[in-house]
Amino acid sequence: MAQGTRAPFSFRHWLGLVSVACGLPFMLAAFDIGPLQRADIQGPPWLAVVAGGIFVAAGAALLVGKRQPTLRDALGLAVIVGLAAIGNWIAFGAGERFCQGSLPVSFFSVDGALSGWQCRLPFGFGALVTDAMALYFAILLLQRLCGGPPALARTKRAGEWLIVLSLAPLLIPLLLVLVGISAFGACRERLRSGARPRNESFIRRQREKWLRSDSGPAAADERRERR
């Protein structure tokens, strides 16, 4: 790009401006400024500041783009921290909670107005996930600022495991369902054919891999020829 010319104003920039414009009224509502007032906030005033700040930070990150990656990542971290703050307040904060929506529990679902644990439970799960993600991306940002010191490698790995643990309530049932489906298919195949199920494609790939390896017959024949 020639010096003195500006990058074209793309759809990303317009989306960033719209996001900032959507977030500002919520932030100003905490100060009784603009179309929304403090009485419209279903919670403490800081909740509106954080909710609006999420849109403002996301829009600013879109406007910054690739020109300043560190600032963009910091703004992205601010979005995750804001989501975590709202989720933690709803799930673990003091006072009664009322939500509108549906919550599937075991083999039935609860629809309509939710209160108490029915409202806190889904937000608690989301809060744990966003807390883990906020910690992980904060470590990544700190690692970038410090030039990637090896001392943060273990902390980064701990953050990755923390994300996995936070997703465990979702991943474990999904894994059990997949194992159950595979076991059911294997039992049905055994009853139908009387033979043990075999993953022929996996066995073929492993055999081809062994044939091409250093311990395969082709490598053994080559070693004999060299002798």
Foldseek 3Di string as FASTA:
>chain_A
DDPPDDDDCDPLLVQLVVLLVVLVVLLCQLVQDDPHHVVPDPDHSVLSNLVSLLSNLQSVLSNCDPVDVLSSLVSVLSNLVSLLVVLCCQQPNDDKDKDAAKADDDPRIDHGIDIDCSRNVVSVLVNQLSVLVSQLSVLVSVCVVVVNDPVSVVVNVVSVVSNVVSCCVVVVVVVVVVVVVVVVVQVVVCVVPVDGDDPVVVVVVVVVVQCPDCNHPVVVVVVVVVD
